[in-house]
Amino acid sequence: MSEAKRFDDLPERTKDFLLNLRDDEIDTMNDGIRLVGAIRTVGTFFKWVIVGVVGIFAGVVMFGESLMKIMAWFR
């Protein structure tokens, strides 16, 4: 696609916004995009940490109950 017709399908409001951006605003937007990506990565990490902790807790509880049942057999 040629550079001249690249943004023809964008709404006028979007074209005006992009044309009036300053260099520092572009840098800020790029930083914001990277920040959102980092936040999503950290969020995914903590989601799996929480799932893991809940799983370990449930496993410990089930293991404790099984040990109590086995010990009850020998009484």
N, C-alpha and C. Protein backbone atom coordinates (compact mmCIF):
# COMPACT_ATOMS: atom_id res chain seq x y z
N MET A 1 0.86 -1.18 0.00
CA MET A 1 0.00 0.00 0.00
C MET A 1 0.90 1.24 0.00
N SER A 2 0.58 2.20 -0.82
CA SER A 2 1.42 3.39 -0.92
C SER A 2 1.25 4.26 0.32
N GLU A 3 2.30 5.03 0.60
CA GLU A 3 2.29 5.90 1.78
C GLU A 3 1.19 6.95 1.69
N ALA A 4 0.87 7.40 0.49
CA ALA A 4 -0.12 8.47 0.32
C ALA A 4 -1.52 7.99 0.68
N LYS A 5 -1.82 6.74 0.44
CA LYS A 5 -3.18 6.22 0.68
C LYS A 5 -3.26 5.37 1.94
N ARG A 6 -2.22 5.36 2.73
CA ARG A 6 -2.15 4.48 3.89
C ARG A 6 -3.23 4.78 4.94
N PHE A 7 -3.51 6.04 5.16
CA PHE A 7 -4.45 6.43 6.22
C PHE A 7 -5.79 6.91 5.67
N ASP A 8 -6.08 6.63 4.44
CA ASP A 8 -7.33 7.11 3.84
C ASP A 8 -8.56 6.53 4.50
N ASP A 9 -8.49 5.32 5.01
CA ASP A 9 -9.66 4.68 5.60
C ASP A 9 -9.89 5.08 7.06
N LEU A 10 -8.99 5.87 7.63
CA LEU A 10 -9.16 6.32 9.02
C LEU A 10 -10.18 7.46 9.09
N PRO A 11 -10.89 7.55 10.22
CA PRO A 11 -11.80 8.70 10.41
C PRO A 11 -11.01 10.01 10.48
N GLU A 12 -11.65 11.10 10.13
CA GLU A 12 -10.98 12.42 10.12
C GLU A 12 -10.43 12.77 11.50
N ARG A 13 -11.19 12.46 12.52
CA ARG A 13 -10.76 12.79 13.89
C ARG A 13 -9.44 12.08 14.21
N THR A 14 -9.32 10.82 13.80
CA THR A 14 -8.09 10.06 14.05
C THR A 14 -6.93 10.64 13.24
N LYS A 15 -7.19 11.00 11.99
CA LYS A 15 -6.13 11.61 11.16
C LYS A 15 -5.63 12.90 11.79
N ASP A 16 -6.56 13.75 12.25
CA ASP A 16 -6.16 15.01 12.88
C ASP A 16 -5.33 14.75 14.13
N PHE A 17 -5.74 13.76 14.92
CA PHE A 17 -5.01 13.42 16.14
C PHE A 17 -3.58 12.99 15.82
N LEU A 18 -3.43 12.11 14.84
CA LEU A 18 -2.10 11.62 14.49
C LEU A 18 -1.22 12.70 13.87
N LEU A 19 -1.82 13.57 13.07
CA LEU A 19 -1.04 14.63 12.42
C LEU A 19 -0.55 15.67 13.42
N ASN A 20 -1.26 15.86 14.52
CA ASN A 20 -0.91 16.90 15.48
C ASN A 20 -0.05 16.40 16.63
N LEU A 21 0.39 15.16 16.59
CA LEU A 21 1.22 14.64 17.67
C LEU A 21 2.63 15.23 17.61
N ARG A 22 3.16 15.56 18.79
CA ARG A 22 4.55 16.02 18.91
C ARG A 22 5.44 14.82 19.21
N ASP A 23 6.74 14.98 19.05
CA ASP A 23 7.68 13.88 19.28
C ASP A 23 7.60 13.35 20.71
N ASP A 24 7.50 14.25 21.68
CA ASP A 24 7.44 13.79 23.07
C ASP A 24 6.13 13.04 23.36
N GLU A 25 5.06 13.40 22.68
CA GLU A 25 3.79 12.67 22.85
C GLU A 25 3.88 11.27 22.25
N ILE A 26 4.58 11.14 21.14
CA ILE A 26 4.79 9.83 20.53
C ILE A 26 5.62 8.95 21.46
N ASP A 27 6.66 9.54 22.05
CA ASP A 27 7.49 8.79 23.00
C ASP A 27 6.66 8.34 24.20
N THR A 28 5.79 9.22 24.70
CA THR A 28 4.94 8.88 25.83
C THR A 28 3.98 7.75 25.47
N MET A 29 3.42 7.79 24.28
CA MET A 29 2.52 6.72 23.84
C MET A 29 3.27 5.39 23.72
N ASN A 30 4.48 5.42 23.19
CA ASN A 30 5.28 4.19 23.09
C ASN A 30 5.59 3.63 24.47
N ASP A 31 5.93 4.51 25.41
CA ASP A 31 6.17 4.07 26.79
C ASP A 31 4.91 3.46 27.39
N GLY A 32 3.77 4.06 27.12
CA GLY A 32 2.50 3.54 27.63
C GLY A 32 2.18 2.17 27.06
N ILE A 33 2.47 1.96 25.80
CA ILE A 33 2.23 0.65 25.18
C ILE A 33 3.11 -0.41 25.83
N ARG A 34 4.37 -0.08 26.06
CA ARG A 34 5.27 -1.03 26.73
C ARG A 34 4.82 -1.28 28.16
N LEU A 35 4.33 -0.24 28.84
CA LEU A 35 3.86 -0.38 30.22
C LEU A 35 2.66 -1.32 30.29
N VAL A 36 1.74 -1.18 29.37
CA VAL A 36 0.56 -2.05 29.35
C VAL A 36 0.99 -3.50 29.12
N GLY A 37 1.93 -3.72 28.24
CA GLY A 37 2.44 -5.08 28.01
C GLY A 37 3.08 -5.66 29.26
N ALA A 38 3.85 -4.84 29.97
CA ALA A 38 4.49 -5.31 31.20
C ALA A 38 3.45 -5.62 32.28
N ILE A 39 2.44 -4.78 32.39
CA ILE A 39 1.39 -5.02 33.39
C ILE A 39 0.65 -6.31 33.08
N ARG A 40 0.37 -6.57 31.82
CA ARG A 40 -0.30 -7.82 31.45
C ARG A 40 0.57 -9.02 31.78
N THR A 41 1.87 -8.91 31.55
CA THR A 41 2.79 -10.01 31.87
C THR A 41 2.80 -10.29 33.37
N VAL A 42 2.91 -9.24 34.16
CA VAL A 42 2.92 -9.40 35.62
C VAL A 42 1.59 -9.95 36.11
N GLY A 43 0.50 -9.48 35.53
CA GLY A 43 -0.83 -9.98 35.91
C GLY A 43 -0.97 -11.46 35.63
N THR A 44 -0.49 -11.91 34.47
CA THR A 44 -0.54 -13.33 34.13
C THR A 44 0.31 -14.14 35.11
N PHE A 45 1.49 -13.62 35.43
CA PHE A 45 2.37 -14.30 36.39
C PHE A 45 1.67 -14.47 37.74
N PHE A 46 1.10 -13.39 38.27
CA PHE A 46 0.46 -13.48 39.58
C PHE A 46 -0.79 -14.35 39.55
N LYS A 47 -1.48 -14.38 38.42
CA LYS A 47 -2.64 -15.28 38.31
C LYS A 47 -2.18 -16.72 38.53
N TRP A 48 -1.09 -17.11 37.88
CA TRP A 48 -0.61 -18.48 38.02
C TRP A 48 0.01 -18.73 39.38
N VAL A 49 0.59 -17.70 40.00
CA VAL A 49 1.09 -17.86 41.37
C VAL A 49 -0.08 -18.16 42.31
N ILE A 50 -1.18 -17.43 42.16
CA ILE A 50 -2.35 -17.65 43.02
C ILE A 50 -2.93 -19.04 42.77
N VAL A 51 -3.04 -19.43 41.50
CA VAL A 51 -3.55 -20.77 41.18
C VAL A 51 -2.64 -21.84 41.79
N GLY A 52 -1.35 -21.64 41.72
CA GLY A 52 -0.40 -22.59 42.30
C GLY A 52 -0.51 -22.68 43.81
N VAL A 53 -0.64 -21.54 44.47
CA VAL A 53 -0.76 -21.53 45.94
C VAL A 53 -2.04 -22.23 46.37
N VAL A 54 -3.14 -21.97 45.68
CA VAL A 54 -4.41 -22.63 46.01
C VAL A 54 -4.28 -24.13 45.78
N GLY A 55 -3.63 -24.53 44.70
CA GLY A 55 -3.43 -25.95 44.41
C GLY A 55 -2.57 -26.63 45.46
N ILE A 56 -1.50 -25.96 45.88
CA ILE A 56 -0.64 -26.53 46.93
C ILE A 56 -1.41 -26.66 48.23
N PHE A 57 -2.18 -25.65 48.57
CA PHE A 57 -2.99 -25.70 49.80
C PHE A 57 -3.97 -26.88 49.74
N ALA A 58 -4.67 -27.04 48.63
CA ALA A 58 -5.62 -28.14 48.50
C ALA A 58 -4.90 -29.48 48.56
N GLY A 59 -3.74 -29.56 47.95
CA GLY A 59 -2.97 -30.81 47.99
C GLY A 59 -2.51 -31.15 49.39
N VAL A 60 -2.07 -30.16 50.16
CA VAL A 60 -1.63 -30.39 51.53
C VAL A 60 -2.81 -30.85 52.38
N VAL A 61 -3.96 -30.24 52.20
CA VAL A 61 -5.15 -30.63 52.96
C VAL A 61 -5.52 -32.08 52.63
N MET A 62 -5.53 -32.43 51.35
CA MET A 62 -5.88 -33.80 50.95
C MET A 62 -4.85 -34.80 51.47
N PHE A 63 -3.59 -34.44 51.43
CA PHE A 63 -2.53 -35.32 51.95
C PHE A 63 -2.69 -35.52 53.45
N GLY A 64 -2.98 -34.44 54.17
CA GLY A 64 -3.20 -34.55 55.62
C GLY A 64 -4.37 -35.44 55.96
N GLU A 65 -5.46 -35.32 55.23
CA GLU A 65 -6.63 -36.18 55.47
C GLU A 65 -6.29 -37.64 55.19
N SER A 66 -5.54 -37.89 54.13
CA SER A 66 -5.15 -39.27 53.81
C SER A 66 -4.25 -39.85 54.90
N LEU A 67 -3.32 -39.05 55.40
CA LEU A 67 -2.47 -39.53 56.49
C LEU A 67 -3.29 -39.84 57.73
N MET A 68 -4.27 -39.00 58.03
CA MET A 68 -5.11 -39.25 59.20
C MET A 68 -5.90 -40.54 59.04
N LYS A 69 -6.40 -40.82 57.83
CA LYS A 69 -7.13 -42.07 57.58
C LYS A 69 -6.21 -43.28 57.74
N ILE A 70 -4.99 -43.18 57.22
CA ILE A 70 -4.03 -44.30 57.33
C ILE A 70 -3.67 -44.53 58.79
N MET A 71 -3.46 -43.46 59.53
CA MET A 71 -3.13 -43.61 60.95
C MET A 71 -4.32 -44.21 61.73
N ALA A 72 -5.52 -43.91 61.31
CA ALA A 72 -6.71 -44.47 61.96
C ALA A 72 -6.80 -45.97 61.73
N TRP A 73 -6.27 -46.48 60.63
CA TRP A 73 -6.30 -47.93 60.37
C TRP A 73 -5.46 -48.69 61.42
N PHE A 74 -4.40 -48.06 61.86
CA PHE A 74 -3.48 -48.74 62.77
C PHE A 74 -3.88 -48.58 64.23
N ARG A 75 -4.92 -47.90 64.53
CA ARG A 75 -5.36 -47.73 65.91
C ARG A 75 -6.30 -48.80 66.32
